[in-house]
Amino acid sequence: MQRTIVTNNPAVWDKYSANALFIEGSAEQVLIRVRDMVHQGYELISHPLPASLRIMFSPYRSVIIGEKRGAADHLEAEIAEESIWKYRQKMSSREIDAGNNADYRLIDLLLLDAALKEDQGGGQPPG
């Protein structure tokens, strides 16, 4: 099954460019692009938001999208929409932590690697 990584992380792009869509912009712009793709019928494979609140303040976001299936899945569309709303809500009281960009790039890449490995049933991630 084809997977696409929607990312604004240059480290992810360097490793997975054959299977990635690079967004020149913010983490919020990545979430918006993911939402738009889900509304077009693409499958949402990984959750758009990180599990950790601290990682929410990262300037980088990478989300795994599956193949286009036709009609949008209403639950996945709701998850994508709510992710943007939650991101904006959290970021309204906090600035992006740009002082640790190298660390955030690495963390985002490691989390993506783990998600890809889990999605493939424990195998090696592509790349």
N, C-alpha and C. Protein backbone atom coordinates (compact mmCIF):
# COMPACT_ATOMS: atom_id res chain seq x y z
N MET A 1 0.85 -1.19 0.00
CA MET A 1 0.00 0.00 0.00
C MET A 1 0.89 1.24 0.00
N GLN A 2 0.57 2.19 -0.85
CA GLN A 2 1.34 3.42 -0.97
C GLN A 2 1.11 4.34 0.22
N ARG A 3 2.18 4.88 0.74
CA ARG A 3 2.13 5.85 1.83
C ARG A 3 2.82 7.13 1.38
N THR A 4 2.27 8.25 1.80
CA THR A 4 2.88 9.55 1.54
C THR A 4 3.08 10.24 2.88
N ILE A 5 4.25 10.82 3.06
CA ILE A 5 4.55 11.58 4.27
C ILE A 5 4.39 13.05 3.93
N VAL A 6 3.51 13.71 4.64
CA VAL A 6 3.34 15.16 4.48
C VAL A 6 4.18 15.79 5.58
N THR A 7 5.16 16.60 5.21
CA THR A 7 6.13 17.09 6.19
C THR A 7 6.66 18.48 5.84
N ASN A 8 7.11 19.17 6.85
CA ASN A 8 7.87 20.40 6.67
C ASN A 8 9.27 20.24 7.26
N ASN A 9 9.64 19.00 7.57
CA ASN A 9 10.91 18.70 8.21
C ASN A 9 11.96 18.34 7.14
N PRO A 10 13.01 19.15 7.01
CA PRO A 10 14.04 18.86 6.01
C PRO A 10 14.73 17.50 6.24
N ALA A 11 14.87 17.06 7.48
CA ALA A 11 15.49 15.76 7.76
C ALA A 11 14.62 14.62 7.24
N VAL A 12 13.32 14.75 7.38
CA VAL A 12 12.40 13.74 6.84
C VAL A 12 12.46 13.76 5.32
N TRP A 13 12.48 14.94 4.74
CA TRP A 13 12.56 15.06 3.29
C TRP A 13 13.84 14.41 2.77
N ASP A 14 14.96 14.65 3.45
CA ASP A 14 16.24 14.06 3.02
C ASP A 14 16.18 12.54 3.00
N LYS A 15 15.50 11.95 3.97
CA LYS A 15 15.46 10.49 4.09
C LYS A 15 14.36 9.85 3.24
N TYR A 16 13.21 10.52 3.11
CA TYR A 16 12.04 9.91 2.48
C TYR A 16 11.51 10.69 1.28
N SER A 17 12.33 11.44 0.59
CA SER A 17 11.82 12.33 -0.46
C SER A 17 11.04 11.59 -1.55
N ALA A 18 11.35 10.33 -1.79
CA ALA A 18 10.62 9.57 -2.81
C ALA A 18 9.17 9.32 -2.42
N ASN A 19 8.89 9.36 -1.11
CA ASN A 19 7.54 9.08 -0.61
C ASN A 19 6.99 10.24 0.21
N ALA A 20 7.46 11.46 -0.06
CA ALA A 20 7.06 12.58 0.77
C ALA A 20 6.57 13.76 -0.06
N LEU A 21 5.74 14.53 0.58
CA LEU A 21 5.26 15.80 0.04
C LEU A 21 5.79 16.87 0.98
N PHE A 22 6.70 17.69 0.49
CA PHE A 22 7.32 18.70 1.35
C PHE A 22 6.50 19.98 1.33
N ILE A 23 6.19 20.47 2.52
CA ILE A 23 5.44 21.71 2.68
C ILE A 23 6.42 22.79 3.12
N GLU A 24 6.57 23.81 2.32
CA GLU A 24 7.43 24.95 2.68
C GLU A 24 6.60 25.86 3.57
N GLY A 25 6.63 25.59 4.86
CA GLY A 25 5.82 26.39 5.76
C GLY A 25 5.82 25.81 7.16
N SER A 26 4.84 26.22 7.91
CA SER A 26 4.74 25.89 9.33
C SER A 26 4.10 24.52 9.58
N ALA A 27 4.17 24.11 10.83
CA ALA A 27 3.49 22.88 11.24
C ALA A 27 1.99 23.01 11.00
N GLU A 28 1.44 24.18 11.23
CA GLU A 28 0.01 24.40 10.98
C GLU A 28 -0.31 24.21 9.49
N GLN A 29 0.56 24.64 8.61
CA GLN A 29 0.33 24.46 7.18
C GLN A 29 0.38 22.99 6.79
N VAL A 30 1.20 22.20 7.49
CA VAL A 30 1.20 20.75 7.26
C VAL A 30 -0.16 20.18 7.66
N LEU A 31 -0.67 20.59 8.82
CA LEU A 31 -1.97 20.10 9.28
C LEU A 31 -3.08 20.48 8.31
N ILE A 32 -3.02 21.68 7.78
CA ILE A 32 -4.03 22.13 6.82
C ILE A 32 -3.96 21.30 5.55
N ARG A 33 -2.76 21.01 5.06
CA ARG A 33 -2.63 20.19 3.86
C ARG A 33 -3.14 18.77 4.10
N VAL A 34 -2.84 18.23 5.28
CA VAL A 34 -3.34 16.89 5.63
C VAL A 34 -4.86 16.90 5.66
N ARG A 35 -5.44 17.90 6.28
CA ARG A 35 -6.90 18.01 6.32
C ARG A 35 -7.49 18.04 4.92
N ASP A 36 -6.89 18.85 4.06
CA ASP A 36 -7.38 18.96 2.68
C ASP A 36 -7.31 17.61 1.97
N MET A 37 -6.22 16.88 2.17
CA MET A 37 -6.07 15.57 1.53
C MET A 37 -7.09 14.57 2.07
N VAL A 38 -7.34 14.61 3.37
CA VAL A 38 -8.34 13.71 3.96
C VAL A 38 -9.72 14.03 3.39
N HIS A 39 -10.04 15.30 3.22
CA HIS A 39 -11.32 15.67 2.62
C HIS A 39 -11.42 15.23 1.15
N GLN A 40 -10.27 15.06 0.51
CA GLN A 40 -10.25 14.58 -0.87
C GLN A 40 -10.35 13.05 -0.94
N GLY A 41 -10.34 12.38 0.21
CA GLY A 41 -10.51 10.94 0.24
C GLY A 41 -9.27 10.15 0.59
N TYR A 42 -8.16 10.82 0.90
CA TYR A 42 -6.95 10.10 1.29
C TYR A 42 -7.11 9.56 2.70
N GLU A 43 -6.50 8.42 2.95
CA GLU A 43 -6.57 7.75 4.25
C GLU A 43 -5.58 8.38 5.23
N LEU A 44 -6.03 8.62 6.44
CA LEU A 44 -5.18 9.15 7.51
C LEU A 44 -4.55 7.96 8.24
N ILE A 45 -3.22 7.82 8.14
CA ILE A 45 -2.53 6.68 8.75
C ILE A 45 -2.01 7.02 10.14
N SER A 46 -1.32 8.16 10.27
CA SER A 46 -0.83 8.57 11.60
C SER A 46 -1.63 9.78 12.06
N HIS A 47 -1.74 9.93 13.36
CA HIS A 47 -2.49 11.06 13.91
C HIS A 47 -1.73 12.35 13.61
N PRO A 48 -2.43 13.41 13.23
CA PRO A 48 -1.76 14.66 12.89
C PRO A 48 -1.06 15.35 14.06
N LEU A 49 -1.49 15.08 15.28
CA LEU A 49 -0.89 15.74 16.44
C LEU A 49 0.01 14.77 17.20
N PRO A 50 1.06 15.30 17.81
CA PRO A 50 1.94 14.44 18.61
C PRO A 50 1.28 14.04 19.92
N ALA A 51 1.78 12.97 20.52
CA ALA A 51 1.23 12.50 21.78
C ALA A 51 1.68 13.37 22.96
N SER A 52 2.75 14.09 22.79
CA SER A 52 3.32 14.91 23.86
C SER A 52 3.01 16.38 23.62
N LEU A 53 2.57 17.06 24.67
CA LEU A 53 2.29 18.48 24.57
C LEU A 53 3.57 19.26 24.25
N ARG A 54 4.69 18.85 24.81
CA ARG A 54 5.96 19.54 24.55
C ARG A 54 6.32 19.50 23.06
N ILE A 55 6.06 18.37 22.41
CA ILE A 55 6.36 18.24 20.99
C ILE A 55 5.40 19.07 20.14
N MET A 56 4.25 19.43 20.70
CA MET A 56 3.30 20.28 20.00
C MET A 56 3.95 21.62 19.62
N PHE A 57 4.91 22.07 20.42
CA PHE A 57 5.55 23.37 20.19
C PHE A 57 6.70 23.29 19.19
N SER A 58 6.91 22.12 18.62
CA SER A 58 7.93 21.93 17.60
C SER A 58 7.52 22.65 16.31
N PRO A 59 8.48 23.22 15.60
CA PRO A 59 8.16 23.83 14.31
C PRO A 59 7.98 22.80 13.20
N TYR A 60 8.19 21.50 13.50
CA TYR A 60 8.13 20.46 12.48
C TYR A 60 7.00 19.48 12.75
N ARG A 61 6.38 19.04 11.65
CA ARG A 61 5.32 18.04 11.76
C ARG A 61 5.38 17.15 10.54
N SER A 62 5.26 15.85 10.77
CA SER A 62 5.22 14.87 9.69
C SER A 62 4.04 13.94 9.95
N VAL A 63 3.22 13.75 8.92
CA VAL A 63 2.01 12.94 9.04
C VAL A 63 1.98 11.95 7.87
N ILE A 64 1.59 10.71 8.17
CA ILE A 64 1.52 9.68 7.13
C ILE A 64 0.10 9.60 6.59
N ILE A 65 0.00 9.66 5.26
CA ILE A 65 -1.28 9.59 4.55
C ILE A 65 -1.24 8.35 3.66
N GLY A 66 -2.37 7.66 3.58
CA GLY A 66 -2.47 6.48 2.73
C GLY A 66 -3.04 6.82 1.36
N GLU A 67 -3.45 5.80 0.66
CA GLU A 67 -3.96 5.95 -0.70
C GLU A 67 -5.31 6.66 -0.71
N LYS A 68 -5.60 7.27 -1.85
CA LYS A 68 -6.90 7.89 -2.04
C LYS A 68 -7.93 6.79 -2.24
N ARG A 69 -9.00 6.85 -1.44
CA ARG A 69 -10.00 5.79 -1.46
C ARG A 69 -11.29 6.21 -2.14
N GLY A 70 -11.44 7.43 -2.44
CA GLY A 70 -12.70 7.92 -3.00
C GLY A 70 -13.30 8.93 -2.06
N ALA A 71 -14.42 8.59 -1.48
CA ALA A 71 -15.11 9.50 -0.56
C ALA A 71 -14.32 9.64 0.74
N ALA A 72 -14.39 10.83 1.32
CA ALA A 72 -13.71 11.09 2.58
C ALA A 72 -14.34 10.29 3.71
N ASP A 73 -13.53 9.79 4.60
CA ASP A 73 -14.00 9.13 5.81
C ASP A 73 -14.35 10.22 6.82
N HIS A 74 -15.59 10.22 7.30
CA HIS A 74 -16.06 11.31 8.18
C HIS A 74 -15.29 11.37 9.49
N LEU A 75 -14.94 10.23 10.06
CA LEU A 75 -14.19 10.22 11.32
C LEU A 75 -12.79 10.79 11.10
N GLU A 76 -12.14 10.37 10.03
CA GLU A 76 -10.80 10.88 9.74
C GLU A 76 -10.83 12.37 9.43
N ALA A 77 -11.86 12.83 8.74
CA ALA A 77 -12.00 14.26 8.45
C ALA A 77 -12.18 15.05 9.75
N GLU A 78 -12.96 14.50 10.67
CA GLU A 78 -13.16 15.15 11.96
C GLU A 78 -11.85 15.22 12.75
N ILE A 79 -11.07 14.14 12.72
CA ILE A 79 -9.78 14.12 13.41
C ILE A 79 -8.86 15.20 12.82
N ALA A 80 -8.82 15.29 11.51
CA ALA A 80 -7.97 16.29 10.84
C ALA A 80 -8.41 17.71 11.18
N GLU A 81 -9.71 17.95 11.15
CA GLU A 81 -10.24 19.28 11.49
C GLU A 81 -9.95 19.65 12.95
N GLU A 82 -10.20 18.71 13.85
CA GLU A 82 -9.97 18.97 15.27
C GLU A 82 -8.49 19.16 15.58
N SER A 83 -7.63 18.52 14.83
CA SER A 83 -6.19 18.68 15.04
C SER A 83 -5.76 20.12 14.78
N ILE A 84 -6.30 20.71 13.74
CA ILE A 84 -5.98 22.12 13.45
C ILE A 84 -6.51 23.01 14.57
N TRP A 85 -7.74 22.75 14.98
CA TRP A 85 -8.34 23.55 16.05
C TRP A 85 -7.53 23.43 17.34
N LYS A 86 -7.17 22.21 17.73
CA LYS A 86 -6.39 22.00 18.96
C LYS A 86 -5.00 22.62 18.85
N TYR A 87 -4.38 22.51 17.69
CA TYR A 87 -3.07 23.11 17.49
C TYR A 87 -3.16 24.63 17.68
N ARG A 88 -4.13 25.24 17.03
CA ARG A 88 -4.29 26.70 17.15
C ARG A 88 -4.58 27.11 18.59
N GLN A 89 -5.39 26.32 19.27
CA GLN A 89 -5.74 26.62 20.66
C GLN A 89 -4.48 26.59 21.54
N LYS A 90 -3.67 25.56 21.41
CA LYS A 90 -2.46 25.43 22.23
C LYS A 90 -1.44 26.50 21.86
N MET A 91 -1.32 26.80 20.57
CA MET A 91 -0.31 27.75 20.13
C MET A 91 -0.71 29.20 20.39
N SER A 92 -1.98 29.45 20.70
CA SER A 92 -2.41 30.81 20.99
C SER A 92 -1.80 31.34 22.28
N SER A 93 -1.38 30.44 23.16
CA SER A 93 -0.79 30.86 24.43
C SER A 93 0.70 30.52 24.52
N ARG A 94 1.27 30.08 23.40
CA ARG A 94 2.67 29.66 23.43
C ARG A 94 3.29 29.86 22.05
N GLU A 95 4.54 30.22 22.03
CA GLU A 95 5.26 30.38 20.78
C GLU A 95 5.93 29.07 20.39
N ILE A 96 6.18 28.91 19.11
CA ILE A 96 6.97 27.78 18.63
C ILE A 96 8.36 27.89 19.22
N ASP A 97 8.91 26.77 19.64
CA ASP A 97 10.25 26.72 20.23
C ASP A 97 11.28 26.56 19.12
N ALA A 98 11.66 27.66 18.48
CA ALA A 98 12.59 27.62 17.36
C ALA A 98 14.04 27.50 17.82
N GLY A 99 14.30 27.67 19.09
CA GLY A 99 15.67 27.61 19.61
C GLY A 99 16.26 26.21 19.62
N ASN A 100 15.43 25.21 19.43
CA ASN A 100 15.89 23.83 19.47
C ASN A 100 15.56 23.10 18.17
N ASN A 101 15.67 23.79 17.04
CA ASN A 101 15.26 23.22 15.76
C ASN A 101 15.91 21.90 15.43
N ALA A 102 17.22 21.78 15.64
CA ALA A 102 17.92 20.54 15.30
C ALA A 102 17.36 19.37 16.10
N ASP A 103 17.10 19.60 17.37
CA ASP A 103 16.53 18.54 18.22
C ASP A 103 15.12 18.17 17.75
N TYR A 104 14.32 19.17 17.44
CA TYR A 104 12.96 18.90 16.97
C TYR A 104 12.94 18.18 15.63
N ARG A 105 13.87 18.52 14.73
CA ARG A 105 13.97 17.80 13.46
C ARG A 105 14.25 16.32 13.70
N LEU A 106 15.19 16.05 14.62
CA LEU A 106 15.55 14.66 14.92
C LEU A 106 14.39 13.93 15.59
N ILE A 107 13.74 14.55 16.56
CA ILE A 107 12.62 13.90 17.25
C ILE A 107 11.50 13.57 16.27
N ASP A 108 11.16 14.52 15.42
CA ASP A 108 10.11 14.29 14.42
C ASP A 108 10.48 13.13 13.51
N LEU A 109 11.73 13.06 13.08
CA LEU A 109 12.19 11.97 12.22
C LEU A 109 12.12 10.63 12.96
N LEU A 110 12.55 10.59 14.21
CA LEU A 110 12.51 9.34 14.97
C LEU A 110 11.07 8.87 15.22
N LEU A 111 10.19 9.80 15.52
CA LEU A 111 8.78 9.44 15.72
C LEU A 111 8.17 8.92 14.42
N LEU A 112 8.52 9.55 13.31
CA LEU A 112 8.03 9.09 12.01
C LEU A 112 8.57 7.70 11.69
N ASP A 113 9.85 7.48 11.91
CA ASP A 113 10.44 6.15 11.68
C ASP A 113 9.69 5.08 12.47
N ALA A 114 9.39 5.38 13.73
CA ALA A 114 8.67 4.42 14.58
C ALA A 114 7.26 4.17 14.05
N ALA A 115 6.58 5.22 13.61
CA ALA A 115 5.23 5.06 13.07
C ALA A 115 5.24 4.25 11.78
N LEU A 116 6.22 4.47 10.93
CA LEU A 116 6.33 3.70 9.69
C LEU A 116 6.63 2.23 9.99
N LYS A 117 7.50 2.01 10.95
CA LYS A 117 7.84 0.64 11.32
C LYS A 117 6.63 -0.07 11.88
N GLU A 118 5.86 0.59 12.72
CA GLU A 118 4.65 0.01 13.30
C GLU A 118 3.60 -0.25 12.21
N ASP A 119 3.48 0.68 11.28
CA ASP A 119 2.50 0.52 10.20
C ASP A 119 2.83 -0.68 9.32
N GLN A 120 4.10 -1.01 9.24
CA GLN A 120 4.52 -2.14 8.41
C GLN A 120 4.63 -3.44 9.21
N GLY A 121 4.07 -3.45 10.39
CA GLY A 121 4.06 -4.67 11.19
C GLY A 121 5.41 -5.02 11.78
N GLY A 122 6.21 -4.03 12.10
CA GLY A 122 7.49 -4.31 12.75
C GLY A 122 8.66 -4.40 11.80
N GLY A 123 8.42 -4.23 10.50
CA GLY A 123 9.51 -4.27 9.53
C GLY A 123 10.28 -2.97 9.52
N GLN A 124 11.23 -2.86 8.64
CA GLN A 124 12.03 -1.66 8.51
C GLN A 124 11.24 -0.60 7.74
N PRO A 125 11.38 0.68 8.13
CA PRO A 125 10.72 1.74 7.39
C PRO A 125 11.33 1.87 6.00
N PRO A 126 10.54 2.39 5.04
CA PRO A 126 11.10 2.57 3.71
C PRO A 126 12.20 3.62 3.72
N GLY A 127 13.08 3.57 2.76
CA GLY A 127 14.08 4.63 2.65
C GLY A 127 15.44 4.16 2.73
